[in-house]
Amino acid sequence: MAQILVVEDEVAIADTLLFALSSEGFTAQRVELAGEALQRVKDGGIDLVILDVGLPDISGFEACRRLRQFSSVPVMFLTARGEEIDRVVGLEIGADDYVVKPFSPREVVARVRAILKRSSGQAQPQNGGHEEFRVDAERLSIRFLDQPLKLTALEFRLLQQLLALPGQVQSREQLLRVLGMAEDAGYERNIDTHIKALRAKLREVSVDREPIQTHRGFGYSYQPDTVKESP
């Protein structure tokens, strides 16, 4: 039974989420402060965090940044801020989804199920015959040039899918299907955001390698041992 942590200081909203989650078989608990939520995640046993952006102690964005320093537990932002820049920032700092208030509790539960499904590491570990990446599906970890990558659950699944088919171009729609995300809900550009985040993490290991290639109008591919061209 998945353990969901709701970080929300508005009692009415929190109670609605707790009821919806428990009605669908999840175990849900609530805290009001980001600091308390970070400690709960450190203590272990949390499978997903629903994180409000406007919290009394620190913002949800800052809480997510701190959480990503020690955990890859899936995070869903819940906020009244629906501007595109806020969604992009939220995804870039490591969130797996972003729900804007007012929301449908049933939709939130459906999104929680989708996130947990795609973060479960169902695909088998594959390296595609290349040594620059090492995938451990059981531990949900990937090493690049023997350096561990700090990936969100969604980033792990996305990179794993690209590595499984070296040299093959995969469209945004294909990647959305693999990740269990709706193709008609404006998620296409979210793939671009996650690819950007992945590339940034790969560059932290090696600025010379460019293993994820963009194919304009088509999608993305993993090209083994690709070296970045000189300007």
C-alpha atoms as a PDB file:
ATOM      1  CA  MET A   1       0.000   0.000   0.000  1.00  0.00           C
ATOM      2  CA  ALA A   2       1.605   3.245  -1.144  1.00  0.00           C
ATOM      3  CA  GLN A   3       2.346   5.872   1.511  1.00  0.00           C
ATOM      4  CA  ILE A   4       1.412   9.397   0.378  1.00  0.00           C
ATOM      5  CA  LEU A   5       2.581  12.501   2.231  1.00  0.00           C
ATOM      6  CA  VAL A   6       0.377  15.572   1.756  1.00  0.00           C
ATOM      7  CA  VAL A   7       2.168  18.837   2.574  1.00  0.00           C
ATOM      8  CA  GLU A   8      -0.613  21.407   2.769  1.00  0.00           C
ATOM      9  CA  ASP A   9      -1.408  24.087   5.371  1.00  0.00           C
ATOM     10  CA  GLU A  10      -5.038  24.627   4.302  1.00  0.00           C
ATOM     11  CA  VAL A  11      -7.134  22.180   6.334  1.00  0.00           C
ATOM     12  CA  ALA A  12     -10.055  21.933   3.890  1.00  0.00           C
ATOM     13  CA  ILE A  13      -7.803  21.116   0.930  1.00  0.00           C
ATOM     14  CA  ALA A  14      -5.747  18.639   2.936  1.00  0.00           C
ATOM     15  CA  ASP A  15      -8.838  16.840   4.254  1.00  0.00           C
ATOM     16  CA  THR A  16     -10.251  16.555   0.728  1.00  0.00           C
ATOM     17  CA  LEU A  17      -7.030  14.979  -0.526  1.00  0.00           C
ATOM     18  CA  LEU A  18      -6.679  12.638   2.441  1.00  0.00           C
ATOM     19  CA  PHE A  19     -10.249  11.400   1.982  1.00  0.00           C
ATOM     20  CA  ALA A  20      -9.839  10.904  -1.790  1.00  0.00           C
ATOM     21  CA  LEU A  21      -6.544   9.044  -1.374  1.00  0.00           C
ATOM     22  CA  SER A  22      -7.723   6.811   1.468  1.00  0.00           C
ATOM     23  CA  SER A  23     -10.922   6.013  -0.461  1.00  0.00           C
ATOM     24  CA  GLU A  24      -8.752   4.647  -3.283  1.00  0.00           C
ATOM     25  CA  GLY A  25      -6.665   2.439  -1.016  1.00  0.00           C
ATOM     26  CA  PHE A  26      -3.681   4.685  -0.324  1.00  0.00           C
ATOM     27  CA  THR A  27      -2.297   5.430   3.104  1.00  0.00           C
ATOM     28  CA  ALA A  28      -2.127   9.210   3.386  1.00  0.00           C
ATOM     29  CA  GLN A  29      -0.765  11.499   6.079  1.00  0.00           C
ATOM     30  CA  ARG A  30      -0.562  15.260   6.314  1.00  0.00           C
ATOM     31  CA  VAL A  31       1.953  17.816   7.573  1.00  0.00           C
ATOM     32  CA  GLU A  32       1.730  21.610   7.387  1.00  0.00           C
ATOM     33  CA  LEU A  33       5.405  22.589   7.160  1.00  0.00           C
ATOM     34  CA  ALA A  34       8.034  21.839   4.538  1.00  0.00           C
ATOM     35  CA  GLY A  35      10.675  21.221   7.199  1.00  0.00           C
ATOM     36  CA  GLU A  36       8.552  18.502   8.773  1.00  0.00           C
ATOM     37  CA  ALA A  37       7.924  16.954   5.359  1.00  0.00           C
ATOM     38  CA  LEU A  38      11.647  16.788   4.582  1.00  0.00           C
ATOM     39  CA  GLN A  39      12.253  14.969   7.851  1.00  0.00           C
ATOM     40  CA  ARG A  40       9.426  12.504   7.137  1.00  0.00           C
ATOM     41  CA  VAL A  41      10.985  11.677   3.766  1.00  0.00           C
ATOM     42  CA  LYS A  42      14.423  11.256   5.383  1.00  0.00           C
ATOM     43  CA  ASP A  43      12.895   8.871   7.915  1.00  0.00           C
ATOM     44  CA  GLY A  44      11.765   6.667   5.011  1.00  0.00           C
ATOM     45  CA  GLY A  45       8.574   4.902   4.010  1.00  0.00           C
ATOM     46  CA  ILE A  46       7.123   7.697   1.860  1.00  0.00           C
ATOM     47  CA  ASP A  47       6.305   6.699  -1.732  1.00  0.00           C
ATOM     48  CA  LEU A  48       5.067  10.062  -3.060  1.00  0.00           C
ATOM     49  CA  VAL A  49       4.820  13.654  -1.841  1.00  0.00           C
ATOM     50  CA  ILE A  50       1.986  16.038  -2.756  1.00  0.00           C
ATOM     51  CA  LEU A  51       3.604  19.400  -2.086  1.00  0.00           C
ATOM     52  CA  ASP A  52       1.872  22.768  -1.866  1.00  0.00           C
ATOM     53  CA  VAL A  53       3.961  25.659  -3.196  1.00  0.00           C
ATOM     54  CA  GLY A  54       2.768  28.264  -0.673  1.00  0.00           C
ATOM     55  CA  LEU A  55       3.819  26.949   2.750  1.00  0.00           C
ATOM     56  CA  PRO A  56       4.318  28.886   5.990  1.00  0.00           C
ATOM     57  CA  ASP A  57       8.019  28.117   6.532  1.00  0.00           C
ATOM     58  CA  ILE A  58       9.642  27.827   3.071  1.00  0.00           C
ATOM     59  CA  SER A  59       8.224  27.617  -0.435  1.00  0.00           C
ATOM     60  CA  GLY A  60       7.412  24.284  -1.995  1.00  0.00           C
ATOM     61  CA  PHE A  61       9.963  25.030  -4.723  1.00  0.00           C
ATOM     62  CA  GLU A  62      12.740  25.403  -2.155  1.00  0.00           C
ATOM     63  CA  ALA A  63      11.520  22.315  -0.299  1.00  0.00           C
ATOM     64  CA  CYS A  64      11.714  20.299  -3.527  1.00  0.00           C
ATOM     65  CA  ARG A  65      15.255  21.536  -4.180  1.00  0.00           C
ATOM     66  CA  ARG A  66      16.328  20.404  -0.730  1.00  0.00           C
ATOM     67  CA  LEU A  67      14.504  17.090  -1.059  1.00  0.00           C
ATOM     68  CA  ARG A  68      16.256  16.314  -4.338  1.00  0.00           C
ATOM     69  CA  GLN A  69      19.609  16.546  -2.559  1.00  0.00           C
ATOM     70  CA  PHE A  70      18.908  13.281  -0.754  1.00  0.00           C
ATOM     71  CA  SER A  71      15.863  11.574  -2.294  1.00  0.00           C
ATOM     72  CA  SER A  72      14.281  10.695  -5.633  1.00  0.00           C
ATOM     73  CA  VAL A  73      10.801  10.138  -4.164  1.00  0.00           C
ATOM     74  CA  PRO A  74       8.168  11.368  -6.656  1.00  0.00           C
ATOM     75  CA  VAL A  75       6.827  14.879  -6.029  1.00  0.00           C
ATOM     76  CA  MET A  76       3.556  16.397  -7.252  1.00  0.00           C
ATOM     77  CA  PHE A  77       3.199  20.160  -6.843  1.00  0.00           C
ATOM     78  CA  LEU A  78      -0.201  21.467  -5.800  1.00  0.00           C
ATOM     79  CA  THR A  79      -0.578  25.203  -6.240  1.00  0.00           C
ATOM     80  CA  ALA A  80      -2.762  28.140  -7.206  1.00  0.00           C
ATOM     81  CA  ARG A  81       0.028  29.442  -9.431  1.00  0.00           C
ATOM     82  CA  GLY A  82      -0.775  28.212 -12.928  1.00  0.00           C
ATOM     83  CA  GLU A  83       1.519  30.326 -15.083  1.00  0.00           C
ATOM     84  CA  GLU A  84       3.732  28.436 -17.527  1.00  0.00           C
ATOM     85  CA  ILE A  85       6.938  29.728 -15.937  1.00  0.00           C
ATOM     86  CA  ASP A  86       5.891  28.284 -12.568  1.00  0.00           C
ATOM     87  CA  ARG A  87       5.170  24.892 -14.141  1.00  0.00           C
ATOM     88  CA  VAL A  88       8.512  24.906 -15.946  1.00  0.00           C
ATOM     89  CA  VAL A  89      10.418  25.891 -12.803  1.00  0.00           C
ATOM     90  CA  GLY A  90       8.638  23.203 -10.820  1.00  0.00           C
ATOM     91  CA  LEU A  91       9.503  20.493 -13.323  1.00  0.00           C
ATOM     92  CA  GLU A  92      13.076  21.677 -13.767  1.00  0.00           C
ATOM     93  CA  ILE A  93      13.830  21.452 -10.056  1.00  0.00           C
ATOM     94  CA  GLY A  94      12.677  17.862  -9.926  1.00  0.00           C
ATOM     95  CA  ALA A  95       8.889  17.608  -9.672  1.00  0.00           C
ATOM     96  CA  ASP A  96       7.109  14.783 -11.480  1.00  0.00           C
ATOM     97  CA  ASP A  97       3.776  16.558 -11.963  1.00  0.00           C
ATOM     98  CA  TYR A  98       2.061  19.892 -11.351  1.00  0.00           C
ATOM     99  CA  VAL A  99      -1.621  20.335 -10.444  1.00  0.00           C
ATOM    100  CA  VAL A 100      -3.248  23.770 -10.311  1.00  0.00           C
ATOM    101  CA  LYS A 101      -5.962  24.723  -7.819  1.00  0.00           C
ATOM    102  CA  PRO A 102      -8.908  24.378  -7.960  1.00  0.00           C
ATOM    103  CA  PHE A 103      -8.523  20.707  -8.784  1.00  0.00           C
ATOM    104  CA  SER A 104     -10.546  17.528  -9.049  1.00  0.00           C
ATOM    105  CA  PRO A 105      -9.643  15.065  -6.248  1.00  0.00           C
ATOM    106  CA  ARG A 106     -10.282  12.194  -8.662  1.00  0.00           C
ATOM    107  CA  GLU A 107      -7.818  13.696 -11.135  1.00  0.00           C
ATOM    108  CA  VAL A 108      -5.188  14.067  -8.417  1.00  0.00           C
ATOM    109  CA  VAL A 109      -5.643  10.414  -7.423  1.00  0.00           C
ATOM    110  CA  ALA A 110      -5.390   9.342 -11.077  1.00  0.00           C
ATOM    111  CA  ARG A 111      -2.170  11.344 -11.458  1.00  0.00           C
ATOM    112  CA  VAL A 112      -0.790   9.808  -8.267  1.00  0.00           C
ATOM    113  CA  ARG A 113      -1.460   6.333  -9.668  1.00  0.00           C
ATOM    114  CA  ALA A 114       0.232   7.241 -12.964  1.00  0.00           C
ATOM    115  CA  ILE A 115       3.324   8.624 -11.229  1.00  0.00           C
ATOM    116  CA  LEU A 116       3.673   5.573  -8.999  1.00  0.00           C
ATOM    117  CA  LYS A 117       3.221   3.279 -11.985  1.00  0.00           C
ATOM    118  CA  ARG A 118       5.908   4.923 -14.083  1.00  0.00           C
ATOM    119  CA  SER A 119       8.306   5.237 -11.129  1.00  0.00           C
ATOM    120  CA  SER A 120       8.083   1.558 -10.238  1.00  0.00           C
ATOM    121  CA  GLY A 121      10.962   0.577 -12.520  1.00  0.00           C
ATOM    122  CA  GLN A 122       9.008  -2.105 -14.341  1.00  0.00           C
ATOM    123  CA  ALA A 123      11.378  -2.251 -17.318  1.00  0.00           C
ATOM    124  CA  GLN A 124      14.332  -4.575 -17.097  1.00  0.00           C
ATOM    125  CA  PRO A 125      17.848  -3.150 -16.800  1.00  0.00           C
ATOM    126  CA  GLN A 126      19.559  -2.636 -20.123  1.00  0.00           C
ATOM    127  CA  ASN A 127      22.772  -0.982 -21.193  1.00  0.00           C
ATOM    128  CA  GLY A 128      22.237  -1.356 -24.911  1.00  0.00           C
ATOM    129  CA  GLY A 129      25.660  -2.976 -25.190  1.00  0.00           C
ATOM    130  CA  HIS A 130      27.441   0.252 -24.184  1.00  0.00           C
ATOM    131  CA  GLU A 131      29.512   0.894 -21.123  1.00  0.00           C
ATOM    132  CA  GLU A 132      29.100   4.640 -20.611  1.00  0.00           C
ATOM    133  CA  PHE A 133      25.803   4.018 -18.790  1.00  0.00           C
ATOM    134  CA  ARG A 134      25.041   1.385 -16.176  1.00  0.00           C
ATOM    135  CA  VAL A 135      21.383   0.846 -15.250  1.00  0.00           C
ATOM    136  CA  ASP A 136      20.239  -0.797 -12.027  1.00  0.00           C
ATOM    137  CA  ALA A 137      16.458  -1.128 -12.304  1.00  0.00           C
ATOM    138  CA  GLU A 138      16.056  -2.712  -8.871  1.00  0.00           C
ATOM    139  CA  ARG A 139      17.703   0.248  -7.141  1.00  0.00           C
ATOM    140  CA  LEU A 140      16.281   2.766  -9.654  1.00  0.00           C
ATOM    141  CA  SER A 141      19.759   4.120 -10.308  1.00  0.00           C
ATOM    142  CA  ILE A 142      21.834   4.935 -13.379  1.00  0.00           C
ATOM    143  CA  ARG A 143      25.575   5.591 -13.517  1.00  0.00           C
ATOM    144  CA  PHE A 144      27.133   7.685 -16.275  1.00  0.00           C
ATOM    145  CA  LEU A 145      30.861   7.168 -16.842  1.00  0.00           C
ATOM    146  CA  ASP A 146      30.811   5.347 -13.494  1.00  0.00           C
ATOM    147  CA  GLN A 147      29.330   8.385 -11.709  1.00  0.00           C
ATOM    148  CA  PRO A 148      25.884   8.032 -10.069  1.00  0.00           C
ATOM    149  CA  LEU A 149      23.233  10.398 -11.425  1.00  0.00           C
ATOM    150  CA  LYS A 150      20.793  12.126  -9.070  1.00  0.00           C
ATOM    151  CA  LEU A 151      17.578  11.547 -11.005  1.00  0.00           C
ATOM    152  CA  THR A 152      13.915  12.001 -10.227  1.00  0.00           C
ATOM    153  CA  ALA A 153      11.766   8.930 -10.725  1.00  0.00           C
ATOM    154  CA  LEU A 154      10.454  10.297 -14.017  1.00  0.00           C
ATOM    155  CA  GLU A 155      13.958  11.205 -15.232  1.00  0.00           C
ATOM    156  CA  PHE A 156      15.083   7.674 -14.423  1.00  0.00           C
ATOM    157  CA  ARG A 157      12.299   6.131 -16.500  1.00  0.00           C
ATOM    158  CA  LEU A 158      12.862   8.553 -19.362  1.00  0.00           C
ATOM    159  CA  LEU A 159      16.603   7.942 -19.541  1.00  0.00           C
ATOM    160  CA  GLN A 160      16.103   4.207 -19.118  1.00  0.00           C
ATOM    161  CA  GLN A 161      13.745   4.173 -22.104  1.00  0.00           C
ATOM    162  CA  LEU A 162      16.203   6.083 -24.302  1.00  0.00           C
ATOM    163  CA  LEU A 163      19.080   3.788 -23.276  1.00  0.00           C
ATOM    164  CA  ALA A 164      17.023   0.680 -24.051  1.00  0.00           C
ATOM    165  CA  LEU A 165      16.886   1.606 -27.768  1.00  0.00           C
ATOM    166  CA  PRO A 166      20.298   3.062 -28.690  1.00  0.00           C
ATOM    167  CA  GLY A 167      20.319   4.934 -31.993  1.00  0.00           C
ATOM    168  CA  GLN A 168      16.528   4.789 -32.360  1.00  0.00           C
ATOM    169  CA  VAL A 169      14.588   8.055 -32.556  1.00  0.00           C
ATOM    170  CA  GLN A 170      11.666   8.086 -30.133  1.00  0.00           C
ATOM    171  CA  SER A 171       8.912  10.657 -30.518  1.00  0.00           C
ATOM    172  CA  ARG A 172       7.502  12.689 -27.654  1.00  0.00           C
ATOM    173  CA  GLU A 173       4.288  10.687 -27.993  1.00  0.00           C
ATOM    174  CA  GLN A 174       6.194   7.397 -27.632  1.00  0.00           C
ATOM    175  CA  LEU A 175       7.993   8.654 -24.562  1.00  0.00           C
ATOM    176  CA  LEU A 176       4.731   9.881 -23.030  1.00  0.00           C
ATOM    177  CA  ARG A 177       3.165   6.449 -23.513  1.00  0.00           C
ATOM    178  CA  VAL A 178       6.141   4.701 -21.913  1.00  0.00           C
ATOM    179  CA  LEU A 179       5.994   7.068 -18.942  1.00  0.00           C
ATOM    180  CA  GLY A 180       2.241   6.581 -18.554  1.00  0.00           C
ATOM    181  CA  MET A 181       1.438  10.235 -19.213  1.00  0.00           C
ATOM    182  CA  ALA A 182      -1.576  11.490 -21.140  1.00  0.00           C
ATOM    183  CA  GLU A 183      -0.774  12.463 -24.722  1.00  0.00           C
ATOM    184  CA  ASP A 184      -3.578  15.017 -24.928  1.00  0.00           C
ATOM    185  CA  ALA A 185      -2.943  16.957 -21.717  1.00  0.00           C
ATOM    186  CA  GLY A 186      -0.201  19.330 -22.842  1.00  0.00           C
ATOM    187  CA  TYR A 187       2.592  17.054 -21.658  1.00  0.00           C
ATOM    188  CA  GLU A 188       4.622  17.135 -24.883  1.00  0.00           C
ATOM    189  CA  ARG A 189       6.675  20.148 -23.795  1.00  0.00           C
ATOM    190  CA  ASN A 190       7.162  18.582 -20.360  1.00  0.00           C
ATOM    191  CA  ILE A 191       9.244  15.935 -22.127  1.00  0.00           C
ATOM    192  CA  ASP A 192      11.450  18.743 -23.475  1.00  0.00           C
ATOM    193  CA  THR A 193      11.834  20.127 -19.958  1.00  0.00           C
ATOM    194  CA  HIS A 194      12.854  16.748 -18.537  1.00  0.00           C
ATOM    195  CA  ILE A 195      15.302  16.166 -21.411  1.00  0.00           C
ATOM    196  CA  LYS A 196      16.858  19.553 -20.639  1.00  0.00           C
ATOM    197  CA  ALA A 197      17.193  18.591 -16.971  1.00  0.00           C
ATOM    198  CA  LEU A 198      18.750  15.234 -17.908  1.00  0.00           C
ATOM    199  CA  ARG A 199      21.296  16.898 -20.169  1.00  0.00           C
ATOM    200  CA  ALA A 200      22.276  19.303 -17.402  1.00  0.00           C
ATOM    201  CA  LYS A 201      22.928  16.388 -15.043  1.00  0.00           C
ATOM    202  CA  LEU A 202      24.964  14.543 -17.689  1.00  0.00           C
ATOM    203  CA  ARG A 203      27.075  17.655 -18.291  1.00  0.00           C
ATOM    204  CA  GLU A 204      27.905  17.756 -14.593  1.00  0.00           C
ATOM    205  CA  VAL A 205      29.704  14.455 -15.182  1.00  0.00           C
ATOM    206  CA  SER A 206      31.181  15.220 -18.627  1.00  0.00           C
ATOM    207  CA  VAL A 207      30.913  18.448 -20.615  1.00  0.00           C
ATOM    208  CA  ASP A 208      32.280  16.702 -23.713  1.00  0.00           C
ATOM    209  CA  ARG A 209      29.662  13.984 -24.099  1.00  0.00           C
ATOM    210  CA  GLU A 210      26.285  14.582 -25.775  1.00  0.00           C
ATOM    211  CA  PRO A 211      24.527  11.179 -25.543  1.00  0.00           C
ATOM    212  CA  ILE A 212      20.951  12.510 -25.889  1.00  0.00           C
ATOM    213  CA  GLN A 213      20.350  13.880 -29.362  1.00  0.00           C
ATOM    214  CA  THR A 214      17.471  16.056 -30.556  1.00  0.00           C
ATOM    215  CA  HIS A 215      15.827  15.255 -33.898  1.00  0.00           C
ATOM    216  CA  ARG A 216      13.768  18.328 -34.716  1.00  0.00           C
ATOM    217  CA  GLY A 217      10.229  17.483 -35.700  1.00  0.00           C
ATOM    218  CA  PHE A 218      10.706  13.849 -34.663  1.00  0.00           C
ATOM    219  CA  GLY A 219      11.910  13.407 -31.079  1.00  0.00           C
ATOM    220  CA  TYR A 220      14.979  12.240 -29.186  1.00  0.00           C
ATOM    221  CA  SER A 221      17.482   9.413 -29.273  1.00  0.00           C
ATOM    222  CA  TYR A 222      20.371   7.997 -27.297  1.00  0.00           C
ATOM    223  CA  GLN A 223      23.538   7.980 -29.391  1.00  0.00           C
ATOM    224  CA  PRO A 224      26.294   6.027 -27.602  1.00  0.00           C
ATOM    225  CA  ASP A 225      29.700   7.629 -27.126  1.00  0.00           C
ATOM    226  CA  THR A 226      28.707  10.853 -28.894  1.00  0.00           C
ATOM    227  CA  VAL A 227      31.143  13.698 -28.352  1.00  0.00           C
ATOM    228  CA  LYS A 228      29.952  17.301 -28.504  1.00  0.00           C
ATOM    229  CA  GLU A 229      31.117  19.144 -31.609  1.00  0.00           C
ATOM    230  CA  SER A 230      33.513  22.039 -31.147  1.00  0.00           C
ATOM    231  CA  PRO A 231      31.974  25.487 -31.795  1.00  0.00           C
END
